Amino acid sequence: MIESPTAEGMIIISENLIIFLITKLYLFKSFLISRPLSVGRRTVPIEIPNNAKGS
């Protein structure tokens, strides 16, 4: 009986972590898109996985 609330708490914490990471990635992508000048050097490593998926 004592373990169930801790398990639920862990699930809630993991869900919050996933949501936090997704929002952080979304903000990071939107930041890169809104600043193409700063993206100039970073486009090369970003395009590599896309080419790997295409092939």
PDB file of N, CA and C in Angstrom:
ATOM      1  N   MET A   1       0.834  -1.205   0.000  1.00  0.00           N
ATOM      2  CA  MET A   1       0.000   0.000   0.000  1.00  0.00           C
ATOM      3  C   MET A   1       0.868   1.254   0.000  1.00  0.00           C
ATOM      4  N   ILE A   2       2.029   1.167   0.646  1.00  0.00           N
ATOM      5  CA  ILE A   2       2.887   2.354   0.731  1.00  0.00           C
ATOM      6  C   ILE A   2       3.640   2.570  -0.590  1.00  0.00           C
ATOM      7  N   GLU A   3       3.857   1.484  -1.353  1.00  0.00           N
ATOM      8  CA  GLU A   3       4.667   1.621  -2.569  1.00  0.00           C
ATOM      9  C   GLU A   3       3.878   2.248  -3.721  1.00  0.00           C
ATOM     10  N   SER A   4       2.552   2.108  -3.727  1.00  0.00           N
ATOM     11  CA  SER A   4       1.778   2.599  -4.874  1.00  0.00           C
ATOM     12  C   SER A   4       1.890   4.113  -5.067  1.00  0.00           C
ATOM     13  N   PRO A   5       1.789   4.943  -4.022  1.00  0.00           N
ATOM     14  CA  PRO A   5       1.929   6.389  -4.265  1.00  0.00           C
ATOM     15  C   PRO A   5       3.318   6.770  -4.769  1.00  0.00           C
ATOM     16  N   THR A   6       4.359   6.071  -4.320  1.00  0.00           N
ATOM     17  CA  THR A   6       5.700   6.402  -4.809  1.00  0.00           C
ATOM     18  C   THR A   6       5.814   6.035  -6.282  1.00  0.00           C
ATOM     19  N   ALA A   7       5.226   4.903  -6.685  1.00  0.00           N
ATOM     20  CA  ALA A   7       5.267   4.510  -8.094  1.00  0.00           C
ATOM     21  C   ALA A   7       4.517   5.539  -8.938  1.00  0.00           C
ATOM     22  N   GLU A   8       3.346   5.974  -8.452  1.00  0.00           N
ATOM     23  CA  GLU A   8       2.592   6.994  -9.191  1.00  0.00           C
ATOM     24  C   GLU A   8       3.392   8.287  -9.270  1.00  0.00           C
ATOM     25  N   GLY A   9       4.073   8.623  -8.183  1.00  0.00           N
ATOM     26  CA  GLY A   9       4.898   9.825  -8.190  1.00  0.00           C
ATOM     27  C   GLY A   9       6.016   9.725  -9.218  1.00  0.00           C
ATOM     28  N   MET A  10       6.629   8.536  -9.313  1.00  0.00           N
ATOM     29  CA  MET A  10       7.699   8.350 -10.293  1.00  0.00           C
ATOM     30  C   MET A  10       7.148   8.496 -11.705  1.00  0.00           C
ATOM     31  N   ILE A  11       5.953   7.958 -11.951  1.00  0.00           N
ATOM     32  CA  ILE A  11       5.356   8.077 -13.287  1.00  0.00           C
ATOM     33  C   ILE A  11       5.099   9.543 -13.614  1.00  0.00           C
ATOM     34  N   ILE A  12       4.569  10.277 -12.645  1.00  0.00           N
ATOM     35  CA  ILE A  12       4.290  11.703 -12.875  1.00  0.00           C
ATOM     36  C   ILE A  12       5.594  12.450 -13.149  1.00  0.00           C
ATOM     37  N   ILE A  13       6.646  12.136 -12.397  1.00  0.00           N
ATOM     38  CA  ILE A  13       7.935  12.809 -12.591  1.00  0.00           C
ATOM     39  C   ILE A  13       8.477  12.501 -13.984  1.00  0.00           C
ATOM     40  N   SER A  14       8.379  11.224 -14.408  1.00  0.00           N
ATOM     41  CA  SER A  14       8.894  10.859 -15.729  1.00  0.00           C
ATOM     42  C   SER A  14       8.093  11.561 -16.823  1.00  0.00           C
ATOM     43  N   GLU A  15       6.765  11.651 -16.649  1.00  0.00           N
ATOM     44  CA  GLU A  15       5.948  12.343 -17.651  1.00  0.00           C
ATOM     45  C   GLU A  15       6.329  13.814 -17.727  1.00  0.00           C
ATOM     46  N   ASN A  16       6.546  14.437 -16.570  1.00  0.00           N
ATOM     47  CA  ASN A  16       6.945  15.847 -16.566  1.00  0.00           C
ATOM     48  C   ASN A  16       8.305  16.015 -17.233  1.00  0.00           C
ATOM     49  N   LEU A  17       9.227  15.061 -17.009  1.00  0.00           N
ATOM     50  CA  LEU A  17      10.545  15.136 -17.634  1.00  0.00           C
ATOM     51  C   LEU A  17      10.414  15.038 -19.142  1.00  0.00           C
ATOM     52  N   ILE A  18       9.583  14.104 -19.627  1.00  0.00           N
ATOM     53  CA  ILE A  18       9.410  13.934 -21.070  1.00  0.00           C
ATOM     54  C   ILE A  18       8.825  15.210 -21.674  1.00  0.00           C
ATOM     55  N   ILE A  19       7.800  15.757 -21.017  1.00  0.00           N
ATOM     56  CA  ILE A  19       7.183  16.988 -21.525  1.00  0.00           C
ATOM     57  C   ILE A  19       8.207  18.119 -21.535  1.00  0.00           C
ATOM     58  N   PHE A  20       9.010  18.198 -20.470  1.00  0.00           N
ATOM     59  CA  PHE A  20      10.018  19.257 -20.384  1.00  0.00           C
ATOM     60  C   PHE A  20      11.036  19.123 -21.513  1.00  0.00           C
ATOM     61  N   LEU A  21      11.495  17.888 -21.780  1.00  0.00           N
ATOM     62  CA  LEU A  21      12.485  17.680 -22.838  1.00  0.00           C
ATOM     63  C   LEU A  21      11.885  18.004 -24.201  1.00  0.00           C
ATOM     64  N   ILE A  22      10.627  17.609 -24.426  1.00  0.00           N
ATOM     65  CA  ILE A  22       9.995  17.884 -25.720  1.00  0.00           C
ATOM     66  C   ILE A  22       9.866  19.387 -25.934  1.00  0.00           C
ATOM     67  N   THR A  23       9.409  20.096 -24.903  1.00  0.00           N
ATOM     68  CA  THR A  23       9.254  21.549 -25.045  1.00  0.00           C
ATOM     69  C   THR A  23      10.614  22.208 -25.243  1.00  0.00           C
ATOM     70  N   LYS A  24      11.646  21.685 -24.564  1.00  0.00           N
ATOM     71  CA  LYS A  24      12.985  22.259 -24.703  1.00  0.00           C
ATOM     72  C   LYS A  24      13.495  22.053 -26.132  1.00  0.00           C
ATOM     73  N   LEU A  25      13.287  20.842 -26.686  1.00  0.00           N
ATOM     74  CA  LEU A  25      13.709  20.580 -28.059  1.00  0.00           C
ATOM     75  C   LEU A  25      12.931  21.470 -29.030  1.00  0.00           C
ATOM     76  N   TYR A  26      11.625  21.636 -28.795  1.00  0.00           N
ATOM     77  CA  TYR A  26      10.806  22.461 -29.681  1.00  0.00           C
ATOM     78  C   TYR A  26      11.282  23.910 -29.659  1.00  0.00           C
ATOM     79  N   LEU A  27      11.543  24.427 -28.453  1.00  0.00           N
ATOM     80  CA  LEU A  27      12.028  25.803 -28.343  1.00  0.00           C
ATOM     81  C   LEU A  27      13.396  25.934 -29.005  1.00  0.00           C
ATOM     82  N   PHE A  28      14.251  24.903 -28.859  1.00  0.00           N
ATOM     83  CA  PHE A  28      15.584  24.952 -29.454  1.00  0.00           C
ATOM     84  C   PHE A  28      15.481  24.958 -30.973  1.00  0.00           C
ATOM     85  N   LYS A  29      14.584  24.114 -31.535  1.00  0.00           N
ATOM     86  CA  LYS A  29      14.412  24.080 -32.988  1.00  0.00           C
ATOM     87  C   LYS A  29      13.875  25.416 -33.484  1.00  0.00           C
ATOM     88  N   SER A  30      12.858  25.950 -32.809  1.00  0.00           N
ATOM     89  CA  SER A  30      12.282  27.225 -33.241  1.00  0.00           C
ATOM     90  C   SER A  30      13.319  28.341 -33.129  1.00  0.00           C
ATOM     91  N   PHE A  31      14.194  28.247 -32.120  1.00  0.00           N
ATOM     92  CA  PHE A  31      15.251  29.247 -31.965  1.00  0.00           C
ATOM     93  C   PHE A  31      16.229  29.163 -33.132  1.00  0.00           C
ATOM     94  N   LEU A  32      16.594  27.931 -33.535  1.00  0.00           N
ATOM     95  CA  LEU A  32      17.520  27.771 -34.657  1.00  0.00           C
ATOM     96  C   LEU A  32      16.870  28.255 -35.948  1.00  0.00           C
ATOM     97  N   ILE A  33      15.577  27.958 -36.130  1.00  0.00           N
ATOM     98  CA  ILE A  33      14.893  28.371 -37.356  1.00  0.00           C
ATOM     99  C   ILE A  33      14.783  29.891 -37.408  1.00  0.00           C
ATOM    100  N   SER A  34      14.520  30.514 -36.272  1.00  0.00           N
ATOM    101  CA  SER A  34      14.336  31.966 -36.254  1.00  0.00           C
ATOM    102  C   SER A  34      15.665  32.699 -36.417  1.00  0.00           C
ATOM    103  N   ARG A  35      16.794  31.995 -36.205  1.00  0.00           N
ATOM    104  CA  ARG A  35      18.107  32.644 -36.344  1.00  0.00           C
ATOM    105  C   ARG A  35      18.961  31.895 -37.381  1.00  0.00           C
ATOM    106  N   PRO A  36      18.683  32.062 -38.688  1.00  0.00           N
ATOM    107  CA  PRO A  36      19.429  31.318 -39.708  1.00  0.00           C
ATOM    108  C   PRO A  36      20.915  31.656 -39.716  1.00  0.00           C
ATOM    109  N   LEU A  37      21.282  32.875 -39.320  1.00  0.00           N
ATOM    110  CA  LEU A  37      22.701  33.248 -39.323  1.00  0.00           C
ATOM    111  C   LEU A  37      23.486  32.375 -38.343  1.00  0.00           C
ATOM    112  N   SER A  38      22.927  32.147 -37.152  1.00  0.00           N
ATOM    113  CA  SER A  38      23.628  31.335 -36.158  1.00  0.00           C
ATOM    114  C   SER A  38      23.580  29.860 -36.544  1.00  0.00           C
ATOM    115  N   VAL A  39      22.596  29.485 -37.386  1.00  0.00           N
ATOM    116  CA  VAL A  39      22.468  28.081 -37.788  1.00  0.00           C
ATOM    117  C   VAL A  39      23.518  27.722 -38.838  1.00  0.00           C
ATOM    118  N   GLY A  40      24.042  28.723 -39.552  1.00  0.00           N
ATOM    119  CA  GLY A  40      24.959  28.479 -40.662  1.00  0.00           C
ATOM    120  C   GLY A  40      25.989  27.406 -40.381  1.00  0.00           C
ATOM    121  N   ARG A  41      26.660  27.478 -39.223  1.00  0.00           N
ATOM    122  CA  ARG A  41      27.700  26.498 -38.921  1.00  0.00           C
ATOM    123  C   ARG A  41      27.112  25.171 -38.456  1.00  0.00           C
ATOM    124  N   ARG A  42      25.873  25.191 -37.959  1.00  0.00           N
ATOM    125  CA  ARG A  42      25.307  23.975 -37.368  1.00  0.00           C
ATOM    126  C   ARG A  42      24.499  23.157 -38.373  1.00  0.00           C
ATOM    127  N   THR A  43      24.247  23.695 -39.569  1.00  0.00           N
ATOM    128  CA  THR A  43      23.419  22.961 -40.525  1.00  0.00           C
ATOM    129  C   THR A  43      24.122  21.687 -40.983  1.00  0.00           C
ATOM    130  N   VAL A  44      25.437  21.683 -41.049  1.00  0.00           N
ATOM    131  CA  VAL A  44      26.155  20.503 -41.553  1.00  0.00           C
ATOM    132  C   VAL A  44      25.922  19.286 -40.653  1.00  0.00           C
ATOM    133  N   PRO A  45      26.149  19.354 -39.321  1.00  0.00           N
ATOM    134  CA  PRO A  45      25.902  18.180 -38.484  1.00  0.00           C
ATOM    135  C   PRO A  45      24.420  17.821 -38.403  1.00  0.00           C
ATOM    136  N   ILE A  46      23.529  18.805 -38.588  1.00  0.00           N
ATOM    137  CA  ILE A  46      22.093  18.515 -38.517  1.00  0.00           C
ATOM    138  C   ILE A  46      21.649  17.748 -39.760  1.00  0.00           C
ATOM    139  N   GLU A  47      22.272  18.014 -40.924  1.00  0.00           N
ATOM    140  CA  GLU A  47      21.842  17.361 -42.162  1.00  0.00           C
ATOM    141  C   GLU A  47      22.333  15.921 -42.253  1.00  0.00           C
ATOM    142  N   ILE A  48      23.380  15.558 -41.516  1.00  0.00           N
ATOM    143  CA  ILE A  48      23.945  14.210 -41.624  1.00  0.00           C
ATOM    144  C   ILE A  48      22.918  13.134 -41.259  1.00  0.00           C
ATOM    145  N   PRO A  49      22.207  13.220 -40.117  1.00  0.00           N
ATOM    146  CA  PRO A  49      21.228  12.180 -39.800  1.00  0.00           C
ATOM    147  C   PRO A  49      20.073  12.141 -40.797  1.00  0.00           C
ATOM    148  N   ASN A  50      19.705  13.289 -41.373  1.00  0.00           N
ATOM    149  CA  ASN A  50      18.637  13.295 -42.367  1.00  0.00           C
ATOM    150  C   ASN A  50      19.062  12.511 -43.604  1.00  0.00           C
ATOM    151  N   ASN A  51      20.317  12.675 -44.044  1.00  0.00           N
ATOM    152  CA  ASN A  51      20.805  11.917 -45.191  1.00  0.00           C
ATOM    153  C   ASN A  51      20.870  10.433 -44.862  1.00  0.00           C
ATOM    154  N   ALA A  52      21.254  10.102 -43.620  1.00  0.00           N
ATOM    155  CA  ALA A  52      21.333   8.697 -43.217  1.00  0.00           C
ATOM    156  C   ALA A  52      19.940   8.071 -43.239  1.00  0.00           C
ATOM    157  N   LYS A  53      18.914   8.833 -42.818  1.00  0.00           N
ATOM    158  CA  LYS A  53      17.549   8.300 -42.837  1.00  0.00           C
ATOM    159  C   LYS A  53      17.072   8.130 -44.276  1.00  0.00           C
ATOM    160  N   GLY A  54      17.440   9.071 -45.154  1.00  0.00           N
ATOM    161  CA  GLY A  54      17.010   8.986 -46.536  1.00  0.00           C
ATOM    162  C   GLY A  54      17.575   7.760 -47.232  1.00  0.00           C
ATOM    163  N   SER A  55      18.814   7.389 -46.931  1.00  0.00           N
ATOM    164  CA  SER A  55      19.448   6.234 -47.556  1.00  0.00           C
ATOM    165  C   SER A  55      19.088   4.972 -46.795  1.00  0.00           C
TER     166      SER A  55
END
